[in-house]
Amino acid sequence: MSAKWRISSFSGVLLAAYFIPTWANIAYRIVASPVQGLFERPNVSAALYISDHLHLASEATIRLAWLLALGRLTVVAFFAIFVLFAVRAVIRQTDDYKEPLAIALTIGSVMSFTGVLLASKVGEIAALRLHATELLMMLGTAIVMLVEPPVLRPVETNGAPAELSLQQT
């Protein structure tokens, strides 16, 4: 590992280690069986809200389930891109890999916050705790990314003297 890695980089890699397999599995279950996948614990708040409050037909419910799976897969893809860029940055000794993490945190936070709102609306306590935990993990990393000062790179002088005086003695 590189000595240039910062707290947000480690936190982002740890988040990716959690969200990539978990959300990919949830999205796969929705794609394989939309109705059954939608009514599992990670998605039950959205499923109950869709069926109880929106009164949609089964085809529209399946389309919304697939849209939810697409959103989760988008977050998974951005976390995977972040991990690839972070590994490449370790090899190349650069620090240009935080954008995919910021996009994944933004989309994932919006999805988790929506899950919190829907779970509180339908009264699902277990789903509320799950979405709140995921939201706090992502917001914690986002706050660390915002608070960390930028990396200052040394300026090359190209052989010029440190002080240039107008008078010679």
C-alpha atoms as a PDB file:
ATOM      1  CA  MET A   1       0.000   0.000   0.000  1.00  0.00           C
ATOM      2  CA  SER A   2       1.082   3.500  -0.661  1.00  0.00           C
ATOM      3  CA  ALA A   3       2.057   5.930   2.043  1.00  0.00           C
ATOM      4  CA  LYS A   4       0.094   8.597   0.143  1.00  0.00           C
ATOM      5  CA  TRP A   5      -3.261   6.973   0.897  1.00  0.00           C
ATOM      6  CA  ARG A   6      -5.544   9.058   3.046  1.00  0.00           C
ATOM      7  CA  ILE A   7      -8.354   8.212   5.436  1.00  0.00           C
ATOM      8  CA  SER A   8     -11.008   8.728   2.759  1.00  0.00           C
ATOM      9  CA  SER A   9      -9.215   6.281   0.460  1.00  0.00           C
ATOM     10  CA  PHE A  10      -9.165   3.556   3.102  1.00  0.00           C
ATOM     11  CA  SER A  11     -12.756   4.300   4.021  1.00  0.00           C
ATOM     12  CA  GLY A  12     -13.784   4.178   0.368  1.00  0.00           C
ATOM     13  CA  VAL A  13     -12.111   0.814  -0.152  1.00  0.00           C
ATOM     14  CA  LEU A  14     -13.805  -0.563   2.971  1.00  0.00           C
ATOM     15  CA  LEU A  15     -17.167   0.742   1.758  1.00  0.00           C
ATOM     16  CA  ALA A  16     -16.560  -0.834  -1.631  1.00  0.00           C
ATOM     17  CA  ALA A  17     -15.742  -4.136   0.075  1.00  0.00           C
ATOM     18  CA  TYR A  18     -19.184  -4.007   1.712  1.00  0.00           C
ATOM     19  CA  PHE A  19     -21.363  -2.465  -0.991  1.00  0.00           C
ATOM     20  CA  ILE A  20     -20.085  -4.301  -4.079  1.00  0.00           C
ATOM     21  CA  PRO A  21     -21.045  -7.839  -3.006  1.00  0.00           C
ATOM     22  CA  THR A  22     -24.087  -6.837  -0.947  1.00  0.00           C
ATOM     23  CA  TRP A  23     -25.809  -4.536  -3.404  1.00  0.00           C
ATOM     24  CA  ALA A  24     -24.824  -6.703  -6.403  1.00  0.00           C
ATOM     25  CA  ASN A  25     -26.479  -9.689  -4.699  1.00  0.00           C
ATOM     26  CA  ILE A  26     -29.612  -7.650  -3.946  1.00  0.00           C
ATOM     27  CA  ALA A  27     -29.788  -6.430  -7.551  1.00  0.00           C
ATOM     28  CA  TYR A  28     -29.251  -9.968  -8.867  1.00  0.00           C
ATOM     29  CA  ARG A  29     -32.141 -11.252  -6.755  1.00  0.00           C
ATOM     30  CA  ILE A  30     -34.408  -8.522  -8.141  1.00  0.00           C
ATOM     31  CA  VAL A  31     -33.390  -9.271 -11.723  1.00  0.00           C
ATOM     32  CA  ALA A  32     -33.802 -13.034 -11.258  1.00  0.00           C
ATOM     33  CA  SER A  33     -37.210 -12.787  -9.579  1.00  0.00           C
ATOM     34  CA  PRO A  34     -38.543  -9.220  -9.462  1.00  0.00           C
ATOM     35  CA  VAL A  35     -41.451  -9.686  -7.079  1.00  0.00           C
ATOM     36  CA  GLN A  36     -39.677 -12.013  -4.651  1.00  0.00           C
ATOM     37  CA  GLY A  37     -36.490  -9.910  -4.772  1.00  0.00           C
ATOM     38  CA  LEU A  38     -38.470  -6.734  -4.188  1.00  0.00           C
ATOM     39  CA  PHE A  39     -40.124  -8.101  -1.040  1.00  0.00           C
ATOM     40  CA  GLU A  40     -36.841  -9.134   0.647  1.00  0.00           C
ATOM     41  CA  ARG A  41     -35.556  -7.160   3.637  1.00  0.00           C
ATOM     42  CA  PRO A  42     -33.330  -4.624   1.811  1.00  0.00           C
ATOM     43  CA  ASN A  43     -36.172  -3.633  -0.508  1.00  0.00           C
ATOM     44  CA  VAL A  44     -39.272  -4.332   1.555  1.00  0.00           C
ATOM     45  CA  SER A  45     -39.850  -0.695   2.461  1.00  0.00           C
ATOM     46  CA  ALA A  46     -39.937   0.317  -1.208  1.00  0.00           C
ATOM     47  CA  ALA A  47     -42.105  -2.690  -2.047  1.00  0.00           C
ATOM     48  CA  LEU A  48     -44.655  -1.942   0.669  1.00  0.00           C
ATOM     49  CA  TYR A  49     -44.757   1.735  -0.272  1.00  0.00           C
ATOM     50  CA  ILE A  50     -45.255   0.881  -3.951  1.00  0.00           C
ATOM     51  CA  SER A  51     -48.008  -1.634  -3.259  1.00  0.00           C
ATOM     52  CA  ASP A  52     -49.801   0.197  -0.422  1.00  0.00           C
ATOM     53  CA  HIS A  53     -49.535   3.862  -1.386  1.00  0.00           C
ATOM     54  CA  LEU A  54     -49.003   4.003  -5.144  1.00  0.00           C
ATOM     55  CA  HIS A  55     -51.475   1.216  -6.063  1.00  0.00           C
ATOM     56  CA  LEU A  56     -49.539   0.239  -9.178  1.00  0.00           C
ATOM     57  CA  ALA A  57     -50.247  -2.716 -11.412  1.00  0.00           C
ATOM     58  CA  SER A  58     -47.928  -5.716 -11.323  1.00  0.00           C
ATOM     59  CA  GLU A  59     -46.095  -4.691 -14.516  1.00  0.00           C
ATOM     60  CA  ALA A  60     -45.376  -1.223 -13.152  1.00  0.00           C
ATOM     61  CA  THR A  61     -44.205  -2.727  -9.860  1.00  0.00           C
ATOM     62  CA  ILE A  62     -41.803  -4.996 -11.726  1.00  0.00           C
ATOM     63  CA  ARG A  63     -40.504  -2.033 -13.725  1.00  0.00           C
ATOM     64  CA  LEU A  64     -39.869  -0.078 -10.531  1.00  0.00           C
ATOM     65  CA  ALA A  65     -38.119  -3.123  -9.061  1.00  0.00           C
ATOM     66  CA  TRP A  66     -35.845  -3.268 -12.093  1.00  0.00           C
ATOM     67  CA  LEU A  67     -35.224   0.467 -11.794  1.00  0.00           C
ATOM     68  CA  LEU A  68     -34.206  -0.081  -8.164  1.00  0.00           C
ATOM     69  CA  ALA A  69     -31.881  -2.901  -9.254  1.00  0.00           C
ATOM     70  CA  LEU A  70     -30.384  -0.640 -11.941  1.00  0.00           C
ATOM     71  CA  GLY A  71     -29.708   2.076  -9.353  1.00  0.00           C
ATOM     72  CA  ARG A  72     -27.997  -0.410  -7.043  1.00  0.00           C
ATOM     73  CA  LEU A  73     -25.907  -1.780  -9.915  1.00  0.00           C
ATOM     74  CA  THR A  74     -24.892   1.776 -10.838  1.00  0.00           C
ATOM     75  CA  VAL A  75     -23.574   2.334  -7.315  1.00  0.00           C
ATOM     76  CA  VAL A  76     -21.776  -1.029  -7.468  1.00  0.00           C
ATOM     77  CA  ALA A  77     -20.193  -0.062 -10.796  1.00  0.00           C
ATOM     78  CA  PHE A  78     -18.896   3.263  -9.461  1.00  0.00           C
ATOM     79  CA  PHE A  79     -17.464   1.582  -6.360  1.00  0.00           C
ATOM     80  CA  ALA A  80     -15.736  -0.989  -8.608  1.00  0.00           C
ATOM     81  CA  ILE A  81     -14.327   1.786 -10.803  1.00  0.00           C
ATOM     82  CA  PHE A  82     -13.068   3.551  -7.672  1.00  0.00           C
ATOM     83  CA  VAL A  83     -11.290   0.385  -6.497  1.00  0.00           C
ATOM     84  CA  LEU A  84      -9.693  -0.095  -9.927  1.00  0.00           C
ATOM     85  CA  PHE A  85      -8.531   3.527 -10.002  1.00  0.00           C
ATOM     86  CA  ALA A  86      -7.218   3.266  -6.435  1.00  0.00           C
ATOM     87  CA  VAL A  87      -5.183   0.170  -7.302  1.00  0.00           C
ATOM     88  CA  ARG A  88      -3.886   1.895 -10.429  1.00  0.00           C
ATOM     89  CA  ALA A  89      -2.983   4.970  -8.363  1.00  0.00           C
ATOM     90  CA  VAL A  90      -0.937   2.821  -5.989  1.00  0.00           C
ATOM     91  CA  ILE A  91       1.002   1.440  -8.934  1.00  0.00           C
ATOM     92  CA  ARG A  92       1.483   4.792 -10.673  1.00  0.00           C
ATOM     93  CA  GLN A  93       1.931   6.881  -7.483  1.00  0.00           C
ATOM     94  CA  THR A  94      -0.822   9.372  -8.368  1.00  0.00           C
ATOM     95  CA  ASP A  95      -3.781  10.772  -6.452  1.00  0.00           C
ATOM     96  CA  ASP A  96      -6.465  11.137  -9.140  1.00  0.00           C
ATOM     97  CA  TYR A  97      -9.116   8.562  -8.268  1.00  0.00           C
ATOM     98  CA  LYS A  98     -11.719  10.124  -5.964  1.00  0.00           C
ATOM     99  CA  GLU A  99     -14.405  11.074  -8.508  1.00  0.00           C
ATOM    100  CA  PRO A 100     -16.010   7.606  -8.843  1.00  0.00           C
ATOM    101  CA  LEU A 101     -16.136   7.356  -5.049  1.00  0.00           C
ATOM    102  CA  ALA A 102     -17.920  10.712  -4.824  1.00  0.00           C
ATOM    103  CA  ILE A 103     -20.460   9.669  -7.468  1.00  0.00           C
ATOM    104  CA  ALA A 104     -21.082   6.310  -5.754  1.00  0.00           C
ATOM    105  CA  LEU A 105     -21.514   8.023  -2.390  1.00  0.00           C
ATOM    106  CA  THR A 106     -23.942  10.557  -3.829  1.00  0.00           C
ATOM    107  CA  ILE A 107     -26.181   8.061  -5.612  1.00  0.00           C
ATOM    108  CA  GLY A 108     -25.977   5.525  -2.780  1.00  0.00           C
ATOM    109  CA  SER A 109     -26.762   8.137  -0.139  1.00  0.00           C
ATOM    110  CA  VAL A 110     -29.823   9.310  -2.050  1.00  0.00           C
ATOM    111  CA  MET A 111     -31.031   5.718  -2.417  1.00  0.00           C
ATOM    112  CA  SER A 112     -30.422   4.913   1.262  1.00  0.00           C
ATOM    113  CA  PHE A 113     -32.077   8.144   2.404  1.00  0.00           C
ATOM    114  CA  THR A 114     -35.085   7.327   0.251  1.00  0.00           C
ATOM    115  CA  GLY A 115     -35.104   3.864   1.825  1.00  0.00           C
ATOM    116  CA  VAL A 116     -35.073   5.452   5.292  1.00  0.00           C
ATOM    117  CA  LEU A 117     -38.018   7.682   4.393  1.00  0.00           C
ATOM    118  CA  LEU A 118     -40.015   4.836   2.873  1.00  0.00           C
ATOM    119  CA  ALA A 119     -39.258   2.491   5.784  1.00  0.00           C
ATOM    120  CA  SER A 120     -40.414   5.083   8.292  1.00  0.00           C
ATOM    121  CA  LYS A 121     -43.553   5.713   6.233  1.00  0.00           C
ATOM    122  CA  VAL A 122     -44.567   2.025   6.127  1.00  0.00           C
ATOM    123  CA  GLY A 123     -43.333   1.168   9.643  1.00  0.00           C
ATOM    124  CA  GLU A 124     -40.578  -1.348   8.821  1.00  0.00           C
ATOM    125  CA  ILE A 125     -38.112  -1.046  11.717  1.00  0.00           C
ATOM    126  CA  ALA A 126     -35.568  -3.621  10.453  1.00  0.00           C
ATOM    127  CA  ALA A 127     -35.413  -1.990   7.018  1.00  0.00           C
ATOM    128  CA  LEU A 128     -35.166   1.428   8.655  1.00  0.00           C
ATOM    129  CA  ARG A 129     -32.131   0.311  10.668  1.00  0.00           C
ATOM    130  CA  LEU A 130     -30.483  -1.233   7.602  1.00  0.00           C
ATOM    131  CA  HIS A 131     -30.945   1.853   5.431  1.00  0.00           C
ATOM    132  CA  ALA A 132     -29.926   4.216   8.232  1.00  0.00           C
ATOM    133  CA  THR A 133     -26.734   2.235   8.837  1.00  0.00           C
ATOM    134  CA  GLU A 134     -25.822   2.273   5.146  1.00  0.00           C
ATOM    135  CA  LEU A 135     -26.620   5.978   4.931  1.00  0.00           C
ATOM    136  CA  LEU A 136     -24.434   6.807   7.926  1.00  0.00           C
ATOM    137  CA  MET A 137     -21.529   4.792   6.519  1.00  0.00           C
ATOM    138  CA  MET A 138     -21.693   6.665   3.223  1.00  0.00           C
ATOM    139  CA  LEU A 139     -22.196  10.073   4.826  1.00  0.00           C
ATOM    140  CA  GLY A 140     -19.249   9.460   7.159  1.00  0.00           C
ATOM    141  CA  THR A 141     -16.949   8.803   4.219  1.00  0.00           C
ATOM    142  CA  ALA A 142     -18.330  11.795   2.331  1.00  0.00           C
ATOM    143  CA  ILE A 143     -17.690  14.070   5.313  1.00  0.00           C
ATOM    144  CA  VAL A 144     -14.135  12.762   5.656  1.00  0.00           C
ATOM    145  CA  MET A 145     -13.583  13.467   1.945  1.00  0.00           C
ATOM    146  CA  LEU A 146     -14.843  17.035   2.381  1.00  0.00           C
ATOM    147  CA  VAL A 147     -12.862  17.762   5.538  1.00  0.00           C
ATOM    148  CA  GLU A 148      -9.503  16.362   4.422  1.00  0.00           C
ATOM    149  CA  PRO A 149      -7.158  19.056   3.189  1.00  0.00           C
ATOM    150  CA  PRO A 150      -5.868  18.697  -0.367  1.00  0.00           C
ATOM    151  CA  VAL A 151      -2.565  17.010  -1.004  1.00  0.00           C
ATOM    152  CA  LEU A 152       0.182  19.566  -1.531  1.00  0.00           C
ATOM    153  CA  ARG A 153       2.674  18.437  -4.111  1.00  0.00           C
ATOM    154  CA  PRO A 154       6.220  19.809  -4.013  1.00  0.00           C
ATOM    155  CA  VAL A 155       6.922  22.466  -6.615  1.00  0.00           C
ATOM    156  CA  GLU A 156       9.855  21.767  -8.900  1.00  0.00           C
ATOM    157  CA  THR A 157      12.224  24.696  -9.392  1.00  0.00           C
ATOM    158  CA  ASN A 158      14.077  23.336 -12.467  1.00  0.00           C
ATOM    159  CA  GLY A 159      17.503  24.260 -11.102  1.00  0.00           C
ATOM    160  CA  ALA A 160      16.673  27.909 -10.282  1.00  0.00           C
ATOM    161  CA  PRO A 161      18.167  29.318  -7.089  1.00  0.00           C
ATOM    162  CA  ALA A 162      15.885  29.573  -4.069  1.00  0.00           C
ATOM    163  CA  GLU A 163      16.221  33.367  -3.754  1.00  0.00           C
ATOM    164  CA  LEU A 164      16.672  35.682  -6.680  1.00  0.00           C
ATOM    165  CA  SER A 165      18.131  38.984  -5.659  1.00  0.00           C
ATOM    166  CA  LEU A 166      18.400  42.085  -7.806  1.00  0.00           C
ATOM    167  CA  GLN A 167      21.689  43.118  -6.291  1.00  0.00           C
ATOM    168  CA  GLN A 168      24.880  41.138  -6.301  1.00  0.00           C
ATOM    169  CA  THR A 169      27.518  41.672  -3.660  1.00  0.00           C
END
